[in-house]
Amino acid sequence: MIEESDHLNPREDIVEHYILRLFIAGSSPISARAITNLRHICEEFLKDKYILEIIDAHQQPELVKEENVTALPMLIKKNPGPKKRLIGDFSDREKVLLGLGIRS
């Protein structure tokens, strides 16, 4: 027989992760800077609470079309909602934090 415990909340252990897709243009200096800047921000503010998928637009054009990417580098925050798009090398930390909804 399975019993539910009154003191356990099944949602307590669920941590909402940020799901991020970064579209880049190959190994250009701007792409490298965007990756580095974004990883530093994620590690500092979202430690263990994010999934970062890096997509080379030249190697995966179908994803570029699917996500309607119009500029590179572009970051798409898929979760938590609402979906947001940020463009640039992510060197302006405050703008990135605002765009991701980490700061208001």
PDB file of N, CA and C in Angstrom:
ATOM      1  N   MET A   1       0.843  -1.179   0.000  1.00  0.00           N
ATOM      2  CA  MET A   1       0.000   0.000   0.000  1.00  0.00           C
ATOM      3  C   MET A   1       0.890   1.245   0.000  1.00  0.00           C
ATOM      4  N   ILE A   2       0.558   2.207  -0.828  1.00  0.00           N
ATOM      5  CA  ILE A   2       1.305   3.461  -0.911  1.00  0.00           C
ATOM      6  C   ILE A   2       0.550   4.524  -0.136  1.00  0.00           C
ATOM      7  N   GLU A   3       1.256   5.194   0.744  1.00  0.00           N
ATOM      8  CA  GLU A   3       0.643   6.260   1.534  1.00  0.00           C
ATOM      9  C   GLU A   3       1.303   7.584   1.208  1.00  0.00           C
ATOM     10  N   GLU A   4       0.499   8.633   1.178  1.00  0.00           N
ATOM     11  CA  GLU A   4       1.049   9.977   0.992  1.00  0.00           C
ATOM     12  C   GLU A   4       1.398  10.548   2.342  1.00  0.00           C
ATOM     13  N   SER A   5       2.535  11.155   2.421  1.00  0.00           N
ATOM     14  CA  SER A   5       2.952  11.794   3.661  1.00  0.00           C
ATOM     15  C   SER A   5       2.437  13.223   3.680  1.00  0.00           C
ATOM     16  N   ASP A   6       1.886  13.634   4.805  1.00  0.00           N
ATOM     17  CA  ASP A   6       1.355  14.990   4.928  1.00  0.00           C
ATOM     18  C   ASP A   6       2.458  16.040   4.949  1.00  0.00           C
ATOM     19  N   HIS A   7       3.667  15.659   5.338  1.00  0.00           N
ATOM     20  CA  HIS A   7       4.718  16.656   5.493  1.00  0.00           C
ATOM     21  C   HIS A   7       5.573  16.844   4.234  1.00  0.00           C
ATOM     22  N   LEU A   8       5.335  16.056   3.196  1.00  0.00           N
ATOM     23  CA  LEU A   8       6.126  16.195   1.976  1.00  0.00           C
ATOM     24  C   LEU A   8       5.351  16.946   0.905  1.00  0.00           C
ATOM     25  N   ASN A   9       5.999  17.899   0.302  1.00  0.00           N
ATOM     26  CA  ASN A   9       5.423  18.617  -0.825  1.00  0.00           C
ATOM     27  C   ASN A   9       6.173  18.146  -2.066  1.00  0.00           C
ATOM     28  N   PRO A  10       5.504  17.464  -2.990  1.00  0.00           N
ATOM     29  CA  PRO A  10       6.217  16.924  -4.145  1.00  0.00           C
ATOM     30  C   PRO A  10       6.872  17.991  -5.013  1.00  0.00           C
ATOM     31  N   ARG A  11       6.457  19.241  -4.906  1.00  0.00           N
ATOM     32  CA  ARG A  11       7.037  20.302  -5.725  1.00  0.00           C
ATOM     33  C   ARG A  11       8.235  20.973  -5.058  1.00  0.00           C
ATOM     34  N   GLU A  12       8.534  20.632  -3.821  1.00  0.00           N
ATOM     35  CA  GLU A  12       9.641  21.283  -3.117  1.00  0.00           C
ATOM     36  C   GLU A  12      10.983  21.067  -3.797  1.00  0.00           C
ATOM     37  N   ASP A  13      11.198  19.887  -4.366  1.00  0.00           N
ATOM     38  CA  ASP A  13      12.488  19.564  -4.961  1.00  0.00           C
ATOM     39  C   ASP A  13      12.592  19.984  -6.426  1.00  0.00           C
ATOM     40  N   ILE A  14      11.508  20.497  -6.984  1.00  0.00           N
ATOM     41  CA  ILE A  14      11.521  20.896  -8.388  1.00  0.00           C
ATOM     42  C   ILE A  14      12.046  22.321  -8.493  1.00  0.00           C
ATOM     43  N   VAL A  15      13.136  22.478  -9.214  1.00  0.00           N
ATOM     44  CA  VAL A  15      13.734  23.788  -9.431  1.00  0.00           C
ATOM     45  C   VAL A  15      13.479  24.155 -10.884  1.00  0.00           C
ATOM     46  N   GLU A  16      12.894  25.337 -11.085  1.00  0.00           N
ATOM     47  CA  GLU A  16      12.644  25.761 -12.455  1.00  0.00           C
ATOM     48  C   GLU A  16      13.948  26.214 -13.089  1.00  0.00           C
ATOM     49  N   HIS A  17      14.311  25.556 -14.172  1.00  0.00           N
ATOM     50  CA  HIS A  17      15.549  25.876 -14.874  1.00  0.00           C
ATOM     51  C   HIS A  17      15.283  26.882 -15.989  1.00  0.00           C
ATOM     52  N   TYR A  18      16.256  27.737 -16.195  1.00  0.00           N
ATOM     53  CA  TYR A  18      16.239  28.598 -17.366  1.00  0.00           C
ATOM     54  C   TYR A  18      16.693  27.740 -18.541  1.00  0.00           C
ATOM     55  N   ILE A  19      15.928  27.772 -19.607  1.00  0.00           N
ATOM     56  CA  ILE A  19      16.308  27.077 -20.830  1.00  0.00           C
ATOM     57  C   ILE A  19      16.659  28.148 -21.845  1.00  0.00           C
ATOM     58  N   LEU A  20      17.930  28.164 -22.243  1.00  0.00           N
ATOM     59  CA  LEU A  20      18.467  29.215 -23.097  1.00  0.00           C
ATOM     60  C   LEU A  20      19.050  28.610 -24.362  1.00  0.00           C
ATOM     61  N   ARG A  21      18.764  29.262 -25.490  1.00  0.00           N
ATOM     62  CA  ARG A  21      19.343  28.866 -26.777  1.00  0.00           C
ATOM     63  C   ARG A  21      20.139  30.044 -27.307  1.00  0.00           C
ATOM     64  N   LEU A  22      21.430  29.839 -27.499  1.00  0.00           N
ATOM     65  CA  LEU A  22      22.295  30.886 -28.029  1.00  0.00           C
ATOM     66  C   LEU A  22      22.674  30.536 -29.463  1.00  0.00           C
ATOM     67  N   PHE A  23      22.244  31.380 -30.388  1.00  0.00           N
ATOM     68  CA  PHE A  23      22.581  31.211 -31.800  1.00  0.00           C
ATOM     69  C   PHE A  23      23.798  32.068 -32.110  1.00  0.00           C
ATOM     70  N   ILE A  24      24.813  31.439 -32.703  1.00  0.00           N
ATOM     71  CA  ILE A  24      26.060  32.138 -33.019  1.00  0.00           C
ATOM     72  C   ILE A  24      26.418  31.918 -34.486  1.00  0.00           C
ATOM     73  N   ALA A  25      27.392  32.704 -34.963  1.00  0.00           N
ATOM     74  CA  ALA A  25      27.881  32.581 -36.339  1.00  0.00           C
ATOM     75  C   ALA A  25      29.282  31.990 -36.310  1.00  0.00           C
ATOM     76  N   GLY A  26      29.372  30.685 -36.228  1.00  0.00           N
ATOM     77  CA  GLY A  26      30.670  30.016 -36.259  1.00  0.00           C
ATOM     78  C   GLY A  26      31.572  30.406 -35.105  1.00  0.00           C
ATOM     79  N   SER A  27      32.868  30.486 -35.396  1.00  0.00           N
ATOM     80  CA  SER A  27      33.847  30.780 -34.343  1.00  0.00           C
ATOM     81  C   SER A  27      34.370  32.211 -34.436  1.00  0.00           C
ATOM     82  N   SER A  28      33.506  33.124 -34.813  1.00  0.00           N
ATOM     83  CA  SER A  28      33.903  34.530 -34.918  1.00  0.00           C
ATOM     84  C   SER A  28      34.231  35.091 -33.534  1.00  0.00           C
ATOM     85  N   PRO A  29      35.019  36.166 -33.480  1.00  0.00           N
ATOM     86  CA  PRO A  29      35.330  36.789 -32.185  1.00  0.00           C
ATOM     87  C   PRO A  29      34.079  37.239 -31.420  1.00  0.00           C
ATOM     88  N   ILE A  30      33.087  37.737 -32.140  1.00  0.00           N
ATOM     89  CA  ILE A  30      31.847  38.174 -31.474  1.00  0.00           C
ATOM     90  C   ILE A  30      31.124  36.974 -30.872  1.00  0.00           C
ATOM     91  N   SER A  31      31.091  35.861 -31.604  1.00  0.00           N
ATOM     92  CA  SER A  31      30.460  34.643 -31.080  1.00  0.00           C
ATOM     93  C   SER A  31      31.179  34.161 -29.828  1.00  0.00           C
ATOM     94  N   ALA A  32      32.499  34.148 -29.871  1.00  0.00           N
ATOM     95  CA  ALA A  32      33.289  33.702 -28.713  1.00  0.00           C
ATOM     96  C   ALA A  32      33.046  34.598 -27.507  1.00  0.00           C
ATOM     97  N   ARG A  33      32.983  35.911 -27.741  1.00  0.00           N
ATOM     98  CA  ARG A  33      32.732  36.863 -26.655  1.00  0.00           C
ATOM     99  C   ARG A  33      31.331  36.659 -26.074  1.00  0.00           C
ATOM    100  N   ALA A  34      30.348  36.429 -26.950  1.00  0.00           N
ATOM    101  CA  ALA A  34      28.976  36.202 -26.491  1.00  0.00           C
ATOM    102  C   ALA A  34      28.895  34.955 -25.612  1.00  0.00           C
ATOM    103  N   ILE A  35      29.548  33.879 -26.032  1.00  0.00           N
ATOM    104  CA  ILE A  35      29.540  32.635 -25.253  1.00  0.00           C
ATOM    105  C   ILE A  35      30.187  32.853 -23.893  1.00  0.00           C
ATOM    106  N   THR A  36      31.348  33.475 -23.881  1.00  0.00           N
ATOM    107  CA  THR A  36      32.072  33.714 -22.625  1.00  0.00           C
ATOM    108  C   THR A  36      31.266  34.586 -21.679  1.00  0.00           C
ATOM    109  N   ASN A  37      30.758  35.707 -22.181  1.00  0.00           N
ATOM    110  CA  ASN A  37      29.987  36.623 -21.339  1.00  0.00           C
ATOM    111  C   ASN A  37      28.743  35.948 -20.778  1.00  0.00           C
ATOM    112  N   LEU A  38      28.029  35.224 -21.626  1.00  0.00           N
ATOM    113  CA  LEU A  38      26.797  34.575 -21.183  1.00  0.00           C
ATOM    114  C   LEU A  38      27.079  33.472 -20.166  1.00  0.00           C
ATOM    115  N   ARG A  39      28.113  32.697 -20.385  1.00  0.00           N
ATOM    116  CA  ARG A  39      28.456  31.642 -19.413  1.00  0.00           C
ATOM    117  C   ARG A  39      28.811  32.238 -18.048  1.00  0.00           C
ATOM    118  N   HIS A  40      29.552  33.339 -18.043  1.00  0.00           N
ATOM    119  CA  HIS A  40      29.900  33.987 -16.770  1.00  0.00           C
ATOM    120  C   HIS A  40      28.639  34.459 -16.040  1.00  0.00           C
ATOM    121  N   ILE A  41      27.731  35.075 -16.770  1.00  0.00           N
ATOM    122  CA  ILE A  41      26.486  35.560 -16.168  1.00  0.00           C
ATOM    123  C   ILE A  41      25.669  34.388 -15.625  1.00  0.00           C
ATOM    124  N   CYS A  42      25.528  33.341 -16.407  1.00  0.00           N
ATOM    125  CA  CYS A  42      24.743  32.179 -15.974  1.00  0.00           C
ATOM    126  C   CYS A  42      25.354  31.518 -14.746  1.00  0.00           C
ATOM    127  N   GLU A  43      26.662  31.363 -14.733  1.00  0.00           N
ATOM    128  CA  GLU A  43      27.315  30.732 -13.581  1.00  0.00           C
ATOM    129  C   GLU A  43      27.191  31.588 -12.324  1.00  0.00           C
ATOM    130  N   GLU A  44      27.227  32.885 -12.479  1.00  0.00           N
ATOM    131  CA  GLU A  44      27.133  33.761 -11.312  1.00  0.00           C
ATOM    132  C   GLU A  44      25.711  33.879 -10.780  1.00  0.00           C
ATOM    133  N   PHE A  45      24.729  33.974 -11.670  1.00  0.00           N
ATOM    134  CA  PHE A  45      23.365  34.266 -11.238  1.00  0.00           C
ATOM    135  C   PHE A  45      22.401  33.086 -11.324  1.00  0.00           C
ATOM    136  N   LEU A  46      22.730  32.059 -12.088  1.00  0.00           N
ATOM    137  CA  LEU A  46      21.814  30.931 -12.278  1.00  0.00           C
ATOM    138  C   LEU A  46      22.471  29.589 -11.974  1.00  0.00           C
ATOM    139  N   LYS A  47      23.500  29.591 -11.185  1.00  0.00           N
ATOM    140  CA  LYS A  47      24.291  28.388 -10.890  1.00  0.00           C
ATOM    141  C   LYS A  47      23.402  27.150 -10.727  1.00  0.00           C
ATOM    142  N   ASP A  48      23.653  26.131 -11.547  1.00  0.00           N
ATOM    143  CA  ASP A  48      22.929  24.853 -11.511  1.00  0.00           C
ATOM    144  C   ASP A  48      21.439  24.978 -11.809  1.00  0.00           C
ATOM    145  N   LYS A  49      21.009  26.115 -12.353  1.00  0.00           N
ATOM    146  CA  LYS A  49      19.586  26.303 -12.643  1.00  0.00           C
ATOM    147  C   LYS A  49      19.367  26.733 -14.089  1.00  0.00           C
ATOM    148  N   TYR A  50      20.269  26.325 -14.969  1.00  0.00           N
ATOM    149  CA  TYR A  50      20.102  26.704 -16.364  1.00  0.00           C
ATOM    150  C   TYR A  50      20.617  25.609 -17.290  1.00  0.00           C
ATOM    151  N   ILE A  51      20.047  25.623 -18.486  1.00  0.00           N
ATOM    152  CA  ILE A  51      20.505  24.767 -19.573  1.00  0.00           C
ATOM    153  C   ILE A  51      20.804  25.709 -20.726  1.00  0.00           C
ATOM    154  N   LEU A  52      22.041  25.710 -21.187  1.00  0.00           N
ATOM    155  CA  LEU A  52      22.461  26.583 -22.280  1.00  0.00           C
ATOM    156  C   LEU A  52      22.801  25.724 -23.485  1.00  0.00           C
ATOM    157  N   GLU A  53      22.044  25.928 -24.553  1.00  0.00           N
ATOM    158  CA  GLU A  53      22.280  25.219 -25.808  1.00  0.00           C
ATOM    159  C   GLU A  53      22.914  26.214 -26.780  1.00  0.00           C
ATOM    160  N   ILE A  54      24.107  25.909 -27.271  1.00  0.00           N
ATOM    161  CA  ILE A  54      24.796  26.786 -28.211  1.00  0.00           C
ATOM    162  C   ILE A  54      24.634  26.199 -29.611  1.00  0.00           C
ATOM    163  N   ILE A  55      24.076  27.012 -30.504  1.00  0.00           N
ATOM    164  CA  ILE A  55      23.746  26.551 -31.849  1.00  0.00           C
ATOM    165  C   ILE A  55      24.483  27.403 -32.870  1.00  0.00           C
ATOM    166  N   ASP A  56      25.288  26.754 -33.694  1.00  0.00           N
ATOM    167  CA  ASP A  56      25.970  27.438 -34.789  1.00  0.00           C
ATOM    168  C   ASP A  56      24.974  27.549 -35.945  1.00  0.00           C
ATOM    169  N   ALA A  57      24.628  28.774 -36.294  1.00  0.00           N
ATOM    170  CA  ALA A  57      23.624  29.016 -37.328  1.00  0.00           C
ATOM    171  C   ALA A  57      24.030  28.424 -38.676  1.00  0.00           C
ATOM    172  N   HIS A  58      25.324  28.357 -38.946  1.00  0.00           N
ATOM    173  CA  HIS A  58      25.796  27.811 -40.219  1.00  0.00           C
ATOM    174  C   HIS A  58      25.634  26.296 -40.274  1.00  0.00           C
ATOM    175  N   GLN A  59      25.726  25.646 -39.141  1.00  0.00           N
ATOM    176  CA  GLN A  59      25.631  24.185 -39.098  1.00  0.00           C
ATOM    177  C   GLN A  59      24.203  23.686 -38.910  1.00  0.00           C
ATOM    178  N   GLN A  60      23.326  24.536 -38.367  1.00  0.00           N
ATOM    179  CA  GLN A  60      21.950  24.112 -38.110  1.00  0.00           C
ATOM    180  C   GLN A  60      20.956  25.166 -38.608  1.00  0.00           C
ATOM    181  N   PRO A  61      20.925  25.408 -39.922  1.00  0.00           N
ATOM    182  CA  PRO A  61      20.038  26.445 -40.462  1.00  0.00           C
ATOM    183  C   PRO A  61      18.554  26.157 -40.236  1.00  0.00           C
ATOM    184  N   GLU A  62      18.203  24.883 -40.068  1.00  0.00           N
ATOM    185  CA  GLU A  62      16.796  24.550 -39.827  1.00  0.00           C
ATOM    186  C   GLU A  62      16.319  25.113 -38.490  1.00  0.00           C
ATOM    187  N   LEU A  63      17.191  25.128 -37.475  1.00  0.00           N
ATOM    188  CA  LEU A  63      16.818  25.709 -36.181  1.00  0.00           C
ATOM    189  C   LEU A  63      16.726  27.228 -36.265  1.00  0.00           C
ATOM    190  N   VAL A  64      17.573  27.831 -37.101  1.00  0.00           N
ATOM    191  CA  VAL A  64      17.521  29.280 -37.313  1.00  0.00           C
ATOM    192  C   VAL A  64      16.154  29.654 -37.875  1.00  0.00           C
ATOM    193  N   LYS A  65      15.711  28.893 -38.853  1.00  0.00           N
ATOM    194  CA  LYS A  65      14.404  29.149 -39.469  1.00  0.00           C
ATOM    195  C   LYS A  65      13.272  28.874 -38.477  1.00  0.00           C
ATOM    196  N   GLU A  66      13.374  27.760 -37.771  1.00  0.00           N
ATOM    197  CA  GLU A  66      12.340  27.370 -36.801  1.00  0.00           C
ATOM    198  C   GLU A  66      12.150  28.435 -35.720  1.00  0.00           C
ATOM    199  N   GLU A  67      13.253  29.026 -35.253  1.00  0.00           N
ATOM    200  CA  GLU A  67      13.196  30.028 -34.178  1.00  0.00           C
ATOM    201  C   GLU A  67      13.109  31.457 -34.710  1.00  0.00           C
ATOM    202  N   ASN A  68      13.072  31.610 -36.043  1.00  0.00           N
ATOM    203  CA  ASN A  68      12.971  32.924 -36.673  1.00  0.00           C
ATOM    204  C   ASN A  68      14.092  33.863 -36.207  1.00  0.00           C
ATOM    205  N   VAL A  69      15.310  33.360 -36.248  1.00  0.00           N
ATOM    206  CA  VAL A  69      16.483  34.139 -35.847  1.00  0.00           C
ATOM    207  C   VAL A  69      16.808  35.127 -36.962  1.00  0.00           C
ATOM    208  N   THR A  70      16.896  36.405 -36.612  1.00  0.00           N
ATOM    209  CA  THR A  70      17.115  37.455 -37.607  1.00  0.00           C
ATOM    210  C   THR A  70      18.457  38.159 -37.456  1.00  0.00           C
ATOM    211  N   ALA A  71      19.162  37.927 -36.360  1.00  0.00           N
ATOM    212  CA  ALA A  71      20.465  38.550 -36.115  1.00  0.00           C
ATOM    213  C   ALA A  71      21.290  37.609 -35.245  1.00  0.00           C
ATOM    214  N   LEU A  72      22.603  37.737 -35.341  1.00  0.00           N
ATOM    215  CA  LEU A  72      23.499  36.886 -34.557  1.00  0.00           C
ATOM    216  C   LEU A  72      24.538  37.745 -33.859  1.00  0.00           C
ATOM    217  N   PRO A  73      24.985  37.379 -32.681  1.00  0.00           N
ATOM    218  CA  PRO A  73      24.450  36.311 -31.839  1.00  0.00           C
ATOM    219  C   PRO A  73      23.092  36.698 -31.239  1.00  0.00           C
ATOM    220  N   MET A  74      22.243  35.704 -31.096  1.00  0.00           N
ATOM    221  CA  MET A  74      20.917  35.899 -30.506  1.00  0.00           C
ATOM    222  C   MET A  74      20.687  34.852 -29.428  1.00  0.00           C
ATOM    223  N   LEU A  75      20.229  35.320 -28.277  1.00  0.00           N
ATOM    224  CA  LEU A  75      19.866  34.437 -27.175  1.00  0.00           C
ATOM    225  C   LEU A  75      18.353  34.386 -27.082  1.00  0.00           C
ATOM    226  N   ILE A  76      17.821  33.186 -27.019  1.00  0.00           N
ATOM    227  CA  ILE A  76      16.384  33.011 -26.827  1.00  0.00           C
ATOM    228  C   ILE A  76      16.176  32.337 -25.483  1.00  0.00           C
ATOM    229  N   LYS A  77      15.448  33.030 -24.608  1.00  0.00           N
ATOM    230  CA  LYS A  77      15.071  32.450 -23.313  1.00  0.00           C
ATOM    231  C   LYS A  77      13.734  31.762 -23.528  1.00  0.00           C
ATOM    232  N   LYS A  78      13.738  30.441 -23.457  1.00  0.00           N
ATOM    233  CA  LYS A  78      12.524  29.668 -23.693  1.00  0.00           C
ATOM    234  C   LYS A  78      11.741  29.414 -22.409  1.00  0.00           C
ATOM    235  N   ASN A  79      12.452  29.321 -21.298  1.00  0.00           N
ATOM    236  CA  ASN A  79      11.816  29.037 -20.022  1.00  0.00           C
ATOM    237  C   ASN A  79      12.639  29.708 -18.935  1.00  0.00           C
ATOM    238  N   PRO A  80      12.068  30.261 -17.914  1.00  0.00           N
ATOM    239  CA  PRO A  80      10.640  30.444 -17.706  1.00  0.00           C
ATOM    240  C   PRO A  80      10.093  31.525 -18.635  1.00  0.00           C
ATOM    241  N   GLY A  81       8.805  31.427 -18.906  1.00  0.00           N
ATOM    242  CA  GLY A  81       8.159  32.384 -19.803  1.00  0.00           C
ATOM    243  C   GLY A  81       8.129  33.768 -19.199  1.00  0.00           C
ATOM    244  N   PRO A  82       7.808  34.756 -19.955  1.00  0.00           N
ATOM    245  CA  PRO A  82       7.562  34.705 -21.396  1.00  0.00           C
ATOM    246  C   PRO A  82       8.861  34.558 -22.171  1.00  0.00           C
ATOM    247  N   LYS A  83       8.725  34.042 -23.390  1.00  0.00           N
ATOM    248  CA  LYS A  83       9.881  33.862 -24.266  1.00  0.00           C
ATOM    249  C   LYS A  83      10.470  35.233 -24.583  1.00  0.00           C
ATOM    250  N   LYS A  84      11.795  35.345 -24.489  1.00  0.00           N
ATOM    251  CA  LYS A  84      12.487  36.615 -24.755  1.00  0.00           C
ATOM    252  C   LYS A  84      13.639  36.376 -25.709  1.00  0.00           C
ATOM    253  N   ARG A  85      13.995  37.437 -26.455  1.00  0.00           N
ATOM    254  CA  ARG A  85      15.127  37.405 -27.380  1.00  0.00           C
ATOM    255  C   ARG A  85      16.066  38.551 -27.052  1.00  0.00           C
ATOM    256  N   LEU A  86      17.355  38.235 -26.966  1.00  0.00           N
ATOM    257  CA  LEU A  86      18.381  39.246 -26.728  1.00  0.00           C
ATOM    258  C   LEU A  86      19.425  39.121 -27.831  1.00  0.00           C
ATOM    259  N   ILE A  87      19.895  40.262 -28.324  1.00  0.00           N
ATOM    260  CA  ILE A  87      20.876  40.272 -29.406  1.00  0.00           C
ATOM    261  C   ILE A  87      22.121  41.014 -28.945  1.00  0.00           C
ATOM    262  N   GLY A  88      23.294  40.486 -29.306  1.00  0.00           N
ATOM    263  CA  GLY A  88      24.542  41.171 -28.993  1.00  0.00           C
ATOM    264  C   GLY A  88      25.571  40.230 -28.410  1.00  0.00           C
ATOM    265  N   ASP A  89      26.633  40.827 -27.841  1.00  0.00           N
ATOM    266  CA  ASP A  89      27.691  39.992 -27.255  1.00  0.00           C
ATOM    267  C   ASP A  89      27.521  39.825 -25.745  1.00  0.00           C
ATOM    268  N   PHE A  90      26.458  40.382 -25.195  1.00  0.00           N
ATOM    269  CA  PHE A  90      26.077  40.224 -23.789  1.00  0.00           C
ATOM    270  C   PHE A  90      27.106  40.787 -22.822  1.00  0.00           C
ATOM    271  N   SER A  91      27.816  41.823 -23.265  1.00  0.00           N
ATOM    272  CA  SER A  91      28.816  42.470 -22.413  1.00  0.00           C
ATOM    273  C   SER A  91      28.176  43.425 -21.412  1.00  0.00           C
ATOM    274  N   ASP A  92      26.948  43.881 -21.694  1.00  0.00           N
ATOM    275  CA  ASP A  92      26.232  44.743 -20.752  1.00  0.00           C
ATOM    276  C   ASP A  92      25.444  43.845 -19.804  1.00  0.00           C
ATOM    277  N   ARG A  93      26.070  43.504 -18.707  1.00  0.00           N
ATOM    278  CA  ARG A  93      25.514  42.551 -17.739  1.00  0.00           C
ATOM    279  C   ARG A  93      24.116  42.948 -17.261  1.00  0.00           C
ATOM    280  N   GLU A  94      23.912  44.217 -16.946  1.00  0.00           N
ATOM    281  CA  GLU A  94      22.608  44.662 -16.433  1.00  0.00           C
ATOM    282  C   GLU A  94      21.500  44.446 -17.454  1.00  0.00           C
ATOM    283  N   LYS A  95      21.771  44.740 -18.718  1.00  0.00           N
ATOM    284  CA  LYS A  95      20.760  44.527 -19.761  1.00  0.00           C
ATOM    285  C   LYS A  95      20.428  43.046 -19.900  1.00  0.00           C
ATOM    286  N   VAL A  96      21.430  42.197 -19.788  1.00  0.00           N
ATOM    287  CA  VAL A  96      21.195  40.755 -19.879  1.00  0.00           C
ATOM    288  C   VAL A  96      20.356  40.290 -18.691  1.00  0.00           C
ATOM    289  N   LEU A  97      20.695  40.742 -17.498  1.00  0.00           N
ATOM    290  CA  LEU A  97      19.936  40.351 -16.303  1.00  0.00           C
ATOM    291  C   LEU A  97      18.491  40.826 -16.392  1.00  0.00           C
ATOM    292  N   LEU A  98      18.278  42.026 -16.893  1.00  0.00           N
ATOM    293  CA  LEU A  98      16.914  42.529 -17.088  1.00  0.00           C
ATOM    294  C   LEU A  98      16.193  41.704 -18.149  1.00  0.00           C
ATOM    295  N   GLY A  99      16.875  41.432 -19.252  1.00  0.00           N
ATOM    296  CA  GLY A  99      16.274  40.668 -20.336  1.00  0.00           C
ATOM    297  C   GLY A  99      15.894  39.255 -19.941  1.00  0.00           C
ATOM    298  N   LEU A 100      16.683  38.656 -19.080  1.00  0.00           N
ATOM    299  CA  LEU A 100      16.382  37.299 -18.611  1.00  0.00           C
ATOM    300  C   LEU A 100      15.356  37.287 -17.477  1.00  0.00           C
ATOM    301  N   GLY A 101      15.028  38.462 -16.968  1.00  0.00           N
ATOM    302  CA  GLY A 101      14.064  38.533 -15.872  1.00  0.00           C
ATOM    303  C   GLY A 101      14.671  38.213 -14.522  1.00  0.00           C
ATOM    304  N   ILE A 102      16.000  38.269 -14.427  1.00  0.00           N
ATOM    305  CA  ILE A 102      16.673  38.005 -13.156  1.00  0.00           C
ATOM    306  C   ILE A 102      16.609  39.240 -12.271  1.00  0.00           C
ATOM    307  N   ARG A 103      16.690  40.394 -12.893  1.00  0.00           N
ATOM    308  CA  ARG A 103      16.535  41.674 -12.184  1.00  0.00           C
ATOM    309  C   ARG A 103      15.392  42.436 -12.811  1.00  0.00           C
ATOM    310  N   SER A 104      14.730  43.240 -11.989  1.00  0.00           N
ATOM    311  CA  SER A 104      13.625  44.043 -12.531  1.00  0.00           C
ATOM    312  C   SER A 104      13.869  45.511 -12.328  1.00  0.00           C
TER     313      SER A 104
END
